[in-house]
Amino acid sequence: MKYSKQIKSISYLKAHTSELIDEVTETRSPMIITKNGEAKAVVIDVRSYEKSQETMALLKILALSDQQIKEGKYKPVDEAFASIRKRVKKSK
């Protein structure tokens, strides 16, 4: 994706908000907003935002898991499943 076509000034955003929102929603491409020639904000559609948040949550889980493995805070699979089975039987 070439971001050079996805850069608009804040004055363009002010004058064409509805069109810009429609474009971002339709293309699902982010729009970079500049102020005084500097990139200041990014406008993205809601679905892309939600997807990125889900991805970040998964990455955080992976990072936490990696840290726990390094700290030795894990069980072998057979022990983990045995523990789960035991809890399930107790709850019935």
PDB file of N, CA and C in Angstrom:
ATOM      1  N   MET A   1       0.834  -1.167   0.000  1.00  0.00           N
ATOM      2  CA  MET A   1       0.000   0.000   0.000  1.00  0.00           C
ATOM      3  C   MET A   1       0.886   1.239   0.000  1.00  0.00           C
ATOM      4  N   LYS A   2       0.578   2.153  -0.888  1.00  0.00           N
ATOM      5  CA  LYS A   2       1.338   3.395  -0.958  1.00  0.00           C
ATOM      6  C   LYS A   2       0.611   4.477  -0.167  1.00  0.00           C
ATOM      7  N   TYR A   3       1.238   4.909   0.907  1.00  0.00           N
ATOM      8  CA  TYR A   3       0.609   5.914   1.750  1.00  0.00           C
ATOM      9  C   TYR A   3       0.646   7.296   1.133  1.00  0.00           C
ATOM     10  N   SER A   4       1.475   7.513   0.114  1.00  0.00           N
ATOM     11  CA  SER A   4       1.552   8.837  -0.498  1.00  0.00           C
ATOM     12  C   SER A   4       0.210   9.276  -1.070  1.00  0.00           C
ATOM     13  N   LYS A   5      -0.636   8.343  -1.463  1.00  0.00           N
ATOM     14  CA  LYS A   5      -1.962   8.677  -1.981  1.00  0.00           C
ATOM     15  C   LYS A   5      -2.988   8.797  -0.859  1.00  0.00           C
ATOM     16  N   GLN A   6      -2.582   8.467   0.361  1.00  0.00           N
ATOM     17  CA  GLN A   6      -3.493   8.457   1.490  1.00  0.00           C
ATOM     18  C   GLN A   6      -3.153   9.565   2.488  1.00  0.00           C
ATOM     19  N   ILE A   7      -2.614  10.660   2.000  1.00  0.00           N
ATOM     20  CA  ILE A   7      -2.238  11.775   2.874  1.00  0.00           C
ATOM     21  C   ILE A   7      -3.095  12.987   2.514  1.00  0.00           C
ATOM     22  N   LYS A   8      -3.733  13.544   3.517  1.00  0.00           N
ATOM     23  CA  LYS A   8      -4.578  14.731   3.316  1.00  0.00           C
ATOM     24  C   LYS A   8      -4.287  15.721   4.437  1.00  0.00           C
ATOM     25  N   SER A   9      -4.454  16.994   4.126  1.00  0.00           N
ATOM     26  CA  SER A   9      -4.243  18.035   5.136  1.00  0.00           C
ATOM     27  C   SER A   9      -5.463  18.142   6.038  1.00  0.00           C
ATOM     28  N   ILE A  10      -5.259  18.759   7.178  1.00  0.00           N
ATOM     29  CA  ILE A  10      -6.369  18.944   8.105  1.00  0.00           C
ATOM     30  C   ILE A  10      -7.432  19.856   7.494  1.00  0.00           C
ATOM     31  N   SER A  11      -7.020  20.794   6.671  1.00  0.00           N
ATOM     32  CA  SER A  11      -8.005  21.666   6.018  1.00  0.00           C
ATOM     33  C   SER A  11      -8.855  20.865   5.022  1.00  0.00           C
ATOM     34  N   TYR A  12      -8.246  19.877   4.352  1.00  0.00           N
ATOM     35  CA  TYR A  12      -9.015  19.004   3.465  1.00  0.00           C
ATOM     36  C   TYR A  12     -10.019  18.201   4.295  1.00  0.00           C
ATOM     37  N   LEU A  13      -9.578  17.692   5.434  1.00  0.00           N
ATOM     38  CA  LEU A  13     -10.464  16.935   6.321  1.00  0.00           C
ATOM     39  C   LEU A  13     -11.650  17.797   6.754  1.00  0.00           C
ATOM     40  N   LYS A  14     -11.389  19.021   7.128  1.00  0.00           N
ATOM     41  CA  LYS A  14     -12.463  19.924   7.559  1.00  0.00           C
ATOM     42  C   LYS A  14     -13.469  20.184   6.436  1.00  0.00           C
ATOM     43  N   ALA A  15     -12.971  20.357   5.227  1.00  0.00           N
ATOM     44  CA  ALA A  15     -13.838  20.699   4.098  1.00  0.00           C
ATOM     45  C   ALA A  15     -14.533  19.487   3.486  1.00  0.00           C
ATOM     46  N   HIS A  16     -13.955  18.294   3.662  1.00  0.00           N
ATOM     47  CA  HIS A  16     -14.485  17.104   2.988  1.00  0.00           C
ATOM     48  C   HIS A  16     -14.654  15.917   3.941  1.00  0.00           C
ATOM     49  N   THR A  17     -15.067  16.180   5.154  1.00  0.00           N
ATOM     50  CA  THR A  17     -15.154  15.121   6.164  1.00  0.00           C
ATOM     51  C   THR A  17     -15.999  13.941   5.706  1.00  0.00           C
ATOM     52  N   SER A  18     -17.171  14.205   5.218  1.00  0.00           N
ATOM     53  CA  SER A  18     -18.078  13.122   4.824  1.00  0.00           C
ATOM     54  C   SER A  18     -17.473  12.268   3.711  1.00  0.00           C
ATOM     55  N   GLU A  19     -16.898  12.916   2.699  1.00  0.00           N
ATOM     56  CA  GLU A  19     -16.295  12.181   1.586  1.00  0.00           C
ATOM     57  C   GLU A  19     -15.099  11.358   2.055  1.00  0.00           C
ATOM     58  N   LEU A  20     -14.288  11.954   2.928  1.00  0.00           N
ATOM     59  CA  LEU A  20     -13.116  11.242   3.436  1.00  0.00           C
ATOM     60  C   LEU A  20     -13.539  10.011   4.239  1.00  0.00           C
ATOM     61  N   ILE A  21     -14.543  10.156   5.086  1.00  0.00           N
ATOM     62  CA  ILE A  21     -15.040   9.020   5.871  1.00  0.00           C
ATOM     63  C   ILE A  21     -15.578   7.939   4.935  1.00  0.00           C
ATOM     64  N   ASP A  22     -16.318   8.339   3.924  1.00  0.00           N
ATOM     65  CA  ASP A  22     -16.830   7.360   2.952  1.00  0.00           C
ATOM     66  C   ASP A  22     -15.696   6.617   2.265  1.00  0.00           C
ATOM     67  N   GLU A  23     -14.664   7.344   1.859  1.00  0.00           N
ATOM     68  CA  GLU A  23     -13.523   6.728   1.173  1.00  0.00           C
ATOM     69  C   GLU A  23     -12.787   5.742   2.080  1.00  0.00           C
ATOM     70  N   VAL A  24     -12.531   6.167   3.311  1.00  0.00           N
ATOM     71  CA  VAL A  24     -11.822   5.301   4.260  1.00  0.00           C
ATOM     72  C   VAL A  24     -12.638   4.042   4.545  1.00  0.00           C
ATOM     73  N   THR A  25     -13.935   4.210   4.697  1.00  0.00           N
ATOM     74  CA  THR A  25     -14.806   3.068   4.971  1.00  0.00           C
ATOM     75  C   THR A  25     -14.868   2.130   3.772  1.00  0.00           C
ATOM     76  N   GLU A  26     -14.967   2.692   2.596  1.00  0.00           N
ATOM     77  CA  GLU A  26     -15.084   1.883   1.374  1.00  0.00           C
ATOM     78  C   GLU A  26     -13.795   1.149   1.028  1.00  0.00           C
ATOM     79  N   THR A  27     -12.669   1.846   1.109  1.00  0.00           N
ATOM     80  CA  THR A  27     -11.385   1.252   0.694  1.00  0.00           C
ATOM     81  C   THR A  27     -10.718   0.483   1.826  1.00  0.00           C
ATOM     82  N   ARG A  28     -11.124   0.764   3.066  1.00  0.00           N
ATOM     83  CA  ARG A  28     -10.508   0.181   4.262  1.00  0.00           C
ATOM     84  C   ARG A  28      -9.015   0.489   4.320  1.00  0.00           C
ATOM     85  N   SER A  29      -8.638   1.607   3.731  1.00  0.00           N
ATOM     86  CA  SER A  29      -7.250   2.083   3.765  1.00  0.00           C
ATOM     87  C   SER A  29      -7.167   3.274   4.717  1.00  0.00           C
ATOM     88  N   PRO A  30      -6.136   3.332   5.527  1.00  0.00           N
ATOM     89  CA  PRO A  30      -6.012   4.458   6.451  1.00  0.00           C
ATOM     90  C   PRO A  30      -5.706   5.760   5.711  1.00  0.00           C
ATOM     91  N   MET A  31      -6.107   6.868   6.300  1.00  0.00           N
ATOM     92  CA  MET A  31      -5.834   8.189   5.747  1.00  0.00           C
ATOM     93  C   MET A  31      -4.985   8.941   6.762  1.00  0.00           C
ATOM     94  N   ILE A  32      -3.845   9.425   6.322  1.00  0.00           N
ATOM     95  CA  ILE A  32      -2.942  10.184   7.191  1.00  0.00           C
ATOM     96  C   ILE A  32      -3.315  11.658   7.086  1.00  0.00           C
ATOM     97  N   ILE A  33      -3.513  12.285   8.232  1.00  0.00           N
ATOM     98  CA  ILE A  33      -3.893  13.692   8.276  1.00  0.00           C
ATOM     99  C   ILE A  33      -2.692  14.514   8.733  1.00  0.00           C
ATOM    100  N   THR A  34      -2.409  15.558   7.962  1.00  0.00           N
ATOM    101  CA  THR A  34      -1.266  16.408   8.287  1.00  0.00           C
ATOM    102  C   THR A  34      -1.730  17.767   8.814  1.00  0.00           C
ATOM    103  N   LYS A  35      -0.870  18.354   9.624  1.00  0.00           N
ATOM    104  CA  LYS A  35      -1.095  19.717  10.115  1.00  0.00           C
ATOM    105  C   LYS A  35       0.229  20.439   9.962  1.00  0.00           C
ATOM    106  N   ASN A  36       0.221  21.527   9.240  1.00  0.00           N
ATOM    107  CA  ASN A  36       1.438  22.286   8.938  1.00  0.00           C
ATOM    108  C   ASN A  36       2.512  21.395   8.315  1.00  0.00           C
ATOM    109  N   GLY A  37       2.084  20.466   7.465  1.00  0.00           N
ATOM    110  CA  GLY A  37       3.019  19.612   6.739  1.00  0.00           C
ATOM    111  C   GLY A  37       3.527  18.397   7.494  1.00  0.00           C
ATOM    112  N   GLU A  38       3.130  18.246   8.747  1.00  0.00           N
ATOM    113  CA  GLU A  38       3.565  17.098   9.544  1.00  0.00           C
ATOM    114  C   GLU A  38       2.409  16.142   9.770  1.00  0.00           C
ATOM    115  N   ALA A  39       2.696  14.843   9.697  1.00  0.00           N
ATOM    116  CA  ALA A  39       1.680  13.836   9.984  1.00  0.00           C
ATOM    117  C   ALA A  39       1.286  13.945  11.450  1.00  0.00           C
ATOM    118  N   LYS A  40      -0.014  14.067  11.702  1.00  0.00           N
ATOM    119  CA  LYS A  40      -0.496  14.248  13.075  1.00  0.00           C
ATOM    120  C   LYS A  40      -1.525  13.207  13.494  1.00  0.00           C
ATOM    121  N   ALA A  41      -2.252  12.614  12.533  1.00  0.00           N
ATOM    122  CA  ALA A  41      -3.296  11.657  12.904  1.00  0.00           C
ATOM    123  C   ALA A  41      -3.521  10.681  11.757  1.00  0.00           C
ATOM    124  N   VAL A  42      -4.163   9.572  12.110  1.00  0.00           N
ATOM    125  CA  VAL A  42      -4.529   8.574  11.122  1.00  0.00           C
ATOM    126  C   VAL A  42      -6.009   8.279  11.297  1.00  0.00           C
ATOM    127  N   VAL A  43      -6.751   8.298  10.204  1.00  0.00           N
ATOM    128  CA  VAL A  43      -8.171   7.980  10.222  1.00  0.00           C
ATOM    129  C   VAL A  43      -8.324   6.598   9.591  1.00  0.00           C
ATOM    130  N   ILE A  44      -8.975   5.694  10.338  1.00  0.00           N
ATOM    131  CA  ILE A  44      -9.220   4.350   9.799  1.00  0.00           C
ATOM    132  C   ILE A  44     -10.687   3.992  10.035  1.00  0.00           C
ATOM    133  N   ASP A  45     -11.162   3.007   9.262  1.00  0.00           N
ATOM    134  CA  ASP A  45     -12.539   2.580   9.440  1.00  0.00           C
ATOM    135  C   ASP A  45     -12.662   1.719  10.693  1.00  0.00           C
ATOM    136  N   VAL A  46     -13.865   1.587  11.190  1.00  0.00           N
ATOM    137  CA  VAL A  46     -14.110   0.888  12.448  1.00  0.00           C
ATOM    138  C   VAL A  46     -13.709  -0.577  12.359  1.00  0.00           C
ATOM    139  N   ARG A  47     -14.024  -1.260  11.269  1.00  0.00           N
ATOM    140  CA  ARG A  47     -13.670  -2.681  11.152  1.00  0.00           C
ATOM    141  C   ARG A  47     -12.164  -2.890  11.217  1.00  0.00           C
ATOM    142  N   SER A  48     -11.416  -2.034  10.541  1.00  0.00           N
ATOM    143  CA  SER A  48      -9.954  -2.143  10.590  1.00  0.00           C
ATOM    144  C   SER A  48      -9.441  -1.870  11.999  1.00  0.00           C
ATOM    145  N   TYR A  49     -10.041  -0.896  12.665  1.00  0.00           N
ATOM    146  CA  TYR A  49      -9.647  -0.590  14.047  1.00  0.00           C
ATOM    147  C   TYR A  49      -9.901  -1.787  14.959  1.00  0.00           C
ATOM    148  N   GLU A  50     -11.088  -2.372  14.851  1.00  0.00           N
ATOM    149  CA  GLU A  50     -11.420  -3.532  15.680  1.00  0.00           C
ATOM    150  C   GLU A  50     -10.471  -4.694  15.407  1.00  0.00           C
ATOM    151  N   LYS A  51     -10.171  -4.917  14.138  1.00  0.00           N
ATOM    152  CA  LYS A  51      -9.252  -5.996  13.773  1.00  0.00           C
ATOM    153  C   LYS A  51      -7.869  -5.751  14.365  1.00  0.00           C
ATOM    154  N   SER A  52      -7.395  -4.513  14.310  1.00  0.00           N
ATOM    155  CA  SER A  52      -6.071  -4.209  14.861  1.00  0.00           C
ATOM    156  C   SER A  52      -6.064  -4.378  16.384  1.00  0.00           C
ATOM    157  N   GLN A  53      -7.177  -4.036  17.041  1.00  0.00           N
ATOM    158  CA  GLN A  53      -7.264  -4.210  18.493  1.00  0.00           C
ATOM    159  C   GLN A  53      -7.260  -5.688  18.873  1.00  0.00           C
ATOM    160  N   GLU A  54      -7.958  -6.514  18.084  1.00  0.00           N
ATOM    161  CA  GLU A  54      -7.945  -7.960  18.324  1.00  0.00           C
ATOM    162  C   GLU A  54      -6.541  -8.531  18.130  1.00  0.00           C
ATOM    163  N   THR A  55      -5.866  -8.047  17.097  1.00  0.00           N
ATOM    164  CA  THR A  55      -4.499  -8.499  16.834  1.00  0.00           C
ATOM    165  C   THR A  55      -3.577  -8.111  17.984  1.00  0.00           C
ATOM    166  N   MET A  56      -3.722  -6.887  18.477  1.00  0.00           N
ATOM    167  CA  MET A  56      -2.890  -6.438  19.602  1.00  0.00           C
ATOM    168  C   MET A  56      -3.156  -7.278  20.844  1.00  0.00           C
ATOM    169  N   ALA A  57      -4.421  -7.620  21.084  1.00  0.00           N
ATOM    170  CA  ALA A  57      -4.751  -8.450  22.246  1.00  0.00           C
ATOM    171  C   ALA A  57      -4.092  -9.821  22.127  1.00  0.00           C
ATOM    172  N   LEU A  58      -4.138 -10.410  20.943  1.00  0.00           N
ATOM    173  CA  LEU A  58      -3.493 -11.708  20.743  1.00  0.00           C
ATOM    174  C   LEU A  58      -1.986 -11.619  20.925  1.00  0.00           C
ATOM    175  N   LEU A  59      -1.387 -10.547  20.428  1.00  0.00           N
ATOM    176  CA  LEU A  59       0.053 -10.367  20.604  1.00  0.00           C
ATOM    177  C   LEU A  59       0.422 -10.210  22.075  1.00  0.00           C
ATOM    178  N   LYS A  60      -0.413  -9.521  22.831  1.00  0.00           N
ATOM    179  CA  LYS A  60      -0.167  -9.377  24.267  1.00  0.00           C
ATOM    180  C   LYS A  60      -0.242 -10.733  24.961  1.00  0.00           C
ATOM    181  N   ILE A  61      -1.227 -11.552  24.569  1.00  0.00           N
ATOM    182  CA  ILE A  61      -1.353 -12.892  25.147  1.00  0.00           C
ATOM    183  C   ILE A  61      -0.115 -13.723  24.827  1.00  0.00           C
ATOM    184  N   LEU A  62       0.350 -13.645  23.586  1.00  0.00           N
ATOM    185  CA  LEU A  62       1.556 -14.382  23.197  1.00  0.00           C
ATOM    186  C   LEU A  62       2.776 -13.911  23.978  1.00  0.00           C
ATOM    187  N   ALA A  63       2.909 -12.618  24.149  1.00  0.00           N
ATOM    188  CA  ALA A  63       4.046 -12.075  24.901  1.00  0.00           C
ATOM    189  C   ALA A  63       3.988 -12.526  26.358  1.00  0.00           C
ATOM    190  N   LEU A  64       2.790 -12.505  26.950  1.00  0.00           N
ATOM    191  CA  LEU A  64       2.625 -12.962  28.326  1.00  0.00           C
ATOM    192  C   LEU A  64       2.958 -14.447  28.442  1.00  0.00           C
ATOM    193  N   SER A  65       2.493 -15.230  27.479  1.00  0.00           N
ATOM    194  CA  SER A  65       2.786 -16.669  27.483  1.00  0.00           C
ATOM    195  C   SER A  65       4.284 -16.916  27.379  1.00  0.00           C
ATOM    196  N   ASP A  66       4.934 -16.182  26.494  1.00  0.00           N
ATOM    197  CA  ASP A  66       6.381 -16.322  26.329  1.00  0.00           C
ATOM    198  C   ASP A  66       7.108 -15.996  27.631  1.00  0.00           C
ATOM    199  N   GLN A  67       6.674 -14.944  28.303  1.00  0.00           N
ATOM    200  CA  GLN A  67       7.283 -14.544  29.576  1.00  0.00           C
ATOM    201  C   GLN A  67       7.080 -15.621  30.630  1.00  0.00           C
ATOM    202  N   GLN A  68       5.867 -16.191  30.688  1.00  0.00           N
ATOM    203  CA  GLN A  68       5.590 -17.236  31.668  1.00  0.00           C
ATOM    204  C   GLN A  68       6.429 -18.487  31.404  1.00  0.00           C
ATOM    205  N   ILE A  69       6.633 -18.810  30.147  1.00  0.00           N
ATOM    206  CA  ILE A  69       7.488 -19.955  29.815  1.00  0.00           C
ATOM    207  C   ILE A  69       8.916 -19.692  30.278  1.00  0.00           C
ATOM    208  N   LYS A  70       9.419 -18.494  30.036  1.00  0.00           N
ATOM    209  CA  LYS A  70      10.774 -18.139  30.469  1.00  0.00           C
ATOM    210  C   LYS A  70      10.917 -18.218  31.985  1.00  0.00           C
ATOM    211  N   GLU A  71       9.835 -17.914  32.695  1.00  0.00           N
ATOM    212  CA  GLU A  71       9.857 -17.946  34.160  1.00  0.00           C
ATOM    213  C   GLU A  71       9.542 -19.337  34.709  1.00  0.00           C
ATOM    214  N   GLY A  72       9.299 -20.289  33.830  1.00  0.00           N
ATOM    215  CA  GLY A  72       9.001 -21.652  34.261  1.00  0.00           C
ATOM    216  C   GLY A  72       7.602 -21.839  34.807  1.00  0.00           C
ATOM    217  N   LYS A  73       6.705 -20.920  34.496  1.00  0.00           N
ATOM    218  CA  LYS A  73       5.330 -20.981  34.996  1.00  0.00           C
ATOM    219  C   LYS A  73       4.431 -21.668  33.965  1.00  0.00           C
ATOM    220  N   TYR A  74       4.618 -22.957  33.807  1.00  0.00           N
ATOM    221  CA  TYR A  74       3.792 -23.721  32.872  1.00  0.00           C
ATOM    222  C   TYR A  74       3.707 -25.167  33.336  1.00  0.00           C
ATOM    223  N   LYS A  75       2.739 -25.886  32.761  1.00  0.00           N
ATOM    224  CA  LYS A  75       2.564 -27.311  33.046  1.00  0.00           C
ATOM    225  C   LYS A  75       2.656 -28.065  31.728  1.00  0.00           C
ATOM    226  N   PRO A  76       3.123 -29.289  31.764  1.00  0.00           N
ATOM    227  CA  PRO A  76       3.053 -30.114  30.561  1.00  0.00           C
ATOM    228  C   PRO A  76       1.585 -30.303  30.163  1.00  0.00           C
ATOM    229  N   VAL A  77       1.325 -30.516  28.894  1.00  0.00           N
ATOM    230  CA  VAL A  77      -0.030 -30.608  28.360  1.00  0.00           C
ATOM    231  C   VAL A  77      -0.860 -31.674  29.079  1.00  0.00           C
ATOM    232  N   ASP A  78      -0.292 -32.834  29.300  1.00  0.00           N
ATOM    233  CA  ASP A  78      -1.071 -33.900  29.937  1.00  0.00           C
ATOM    234  C   ASP A  78      -1.511 -33.501  31.353  1.00  0.00           C
ATOM    235  N   GLU A  79      -0.661 -32.807  32.087  1.00  0.00           N
ATOM    236  CA  GLU A  79      -1.033 -32.333  33.422  1.00  0.00           C
ATOM    237  C   GLU A  79      -2.120 -31.264  33.344  1.00  0.00           C
ATOM    238  N   ALA A  80      -1.989 -30.365  32.397  1.00  0.00           N
ATOM    239  CA  ALA A  80      -2.972 -29.286  32.249  1.00  0.00           C
ATOM    240  C   ALA A  80      -4.350 -29.866  31.934  1.00  0.00           C
ATOM    241  N   PHE A  81      -4.415 -30.805  30.987  1.00  0.00           N
ATOM    242  CA  PHE A  81      -5.703 -31.394  30.632  1.00  0.00           C
ATOM    243  C   PHE A  81      -6.269 -32.235  31.776  1.00  0.00           C
ATOM    244  N   ALA A  82      -5.425 -32.930  32.500  1.00  0.00           N
ATOM    245  CA  ALA A  82      -5.891 -33.705  33.649  1.00  0.00           C
ATOM    246  C   ALA A  82      -6.511 -32.774  34.693  1.00  0.00           C
ATOM    247  N   SER A  83      -5.893 -31.650  34.923  1.00  0.00           N
ATOM    248  CA  SER A  83      -6.410 -30.661  35.872  1.00  0.00           C
ATOM    249  C   SER A  83      -7.763 -30.121  35.409  1.00  0.00           C
ATOM    250  N   ILE A  84      -7.891 -29.847  34.129  1.00  0.00           N
ATOM    251  CA  ILE A  84      -9.152 -29.350  33.576  1.00  0.00           C
ATOM    252  C   ILE A  84     -10.241 -30.408  33.709  1.00  0.00           C
ATOM    253  N   ARG A  85      -9.915 -31.651  33.374  1.00  0.00           N
ATOM    254  CA  ARG A  85     -10.895 -32.739  33.485  1.00  0.00           C
ATOM    255  C   ARG A  85     -11.385 -32.889  34.920  1.00  0.00           C
ATOM    256  N   LYS A  86     -10.470 -32.754  35.862  1.00  0.00           N
ATOM    257  CA  LYS A  86     -10.811 -32.869  37.271  1.00  0.00           C
ATOM    258  C   LYS A  86     -11.796 -31.765  37.678  1.00  0.00           C
ATOM    259  N   ARG A  87     -11.549 -30.539  37.233  1.00  0.00           N
ATOM    260  CA  ARG A  87     -12.444 -29.426  37.549  1.00  0.00           C
ATOM    261  C   ARG A  87     -13.816 -29.613  36.933  1.00  0.00           C
ATOM    262  N   VAL A  88     -13.841 -30.127  35.675  1.00  0.00           N
ATOM    263  CA  VAL A  88     -15.113 -30.349  34.997  1.00  0.00           C
ATOM    264  C   VAL A  88     -15.938 -31.394  35.738  1.00  0.00           C
ATOM    265  N   LYS A  89     -15.311 -32.460  36.169  1.00  0.00           N
ATOM    266  CA  LYS A  89     -16.021 -33.528  36.898  1.00  0.00           C
ATOM    267  C   LYS A  89     -16.591 -33.005  38.214  1.00  0.00           C
ATOM    268  N   LYS A  90     -15.836 -32.147  38.898  1.00  0.00           N
ATOM    269  CA  LYS A  90     -16.301 -31.592  40.173  1.00  0.00           C
ATOM    270  C   LYS A  90     -17.517 -30.680  39.968  1.00  0.00           C
ATOM    271  N   SER A  91     -17.568 -29.988  38.856  1.00  0.00           N
ATOM    272  CA  SER A  91     -18.658 -29.030  38.628  1.00  0.00           C
ATOM    273  C   SER A  91     -19.957 -29.710  38.200  1.00  0.00           C
ATOM    274  N   LYS A  92     -19.912 -30.972  37.833  1.00  0.00           N
ATOM    275  CA  LYS A  92     -21.131 -31.680  37.395  1.00  0.00           C
ATOM    276  C   LYS A  92     -21.965 -32.119  38.530  1.00  0.00           C
TER     277      LYS A  92
END
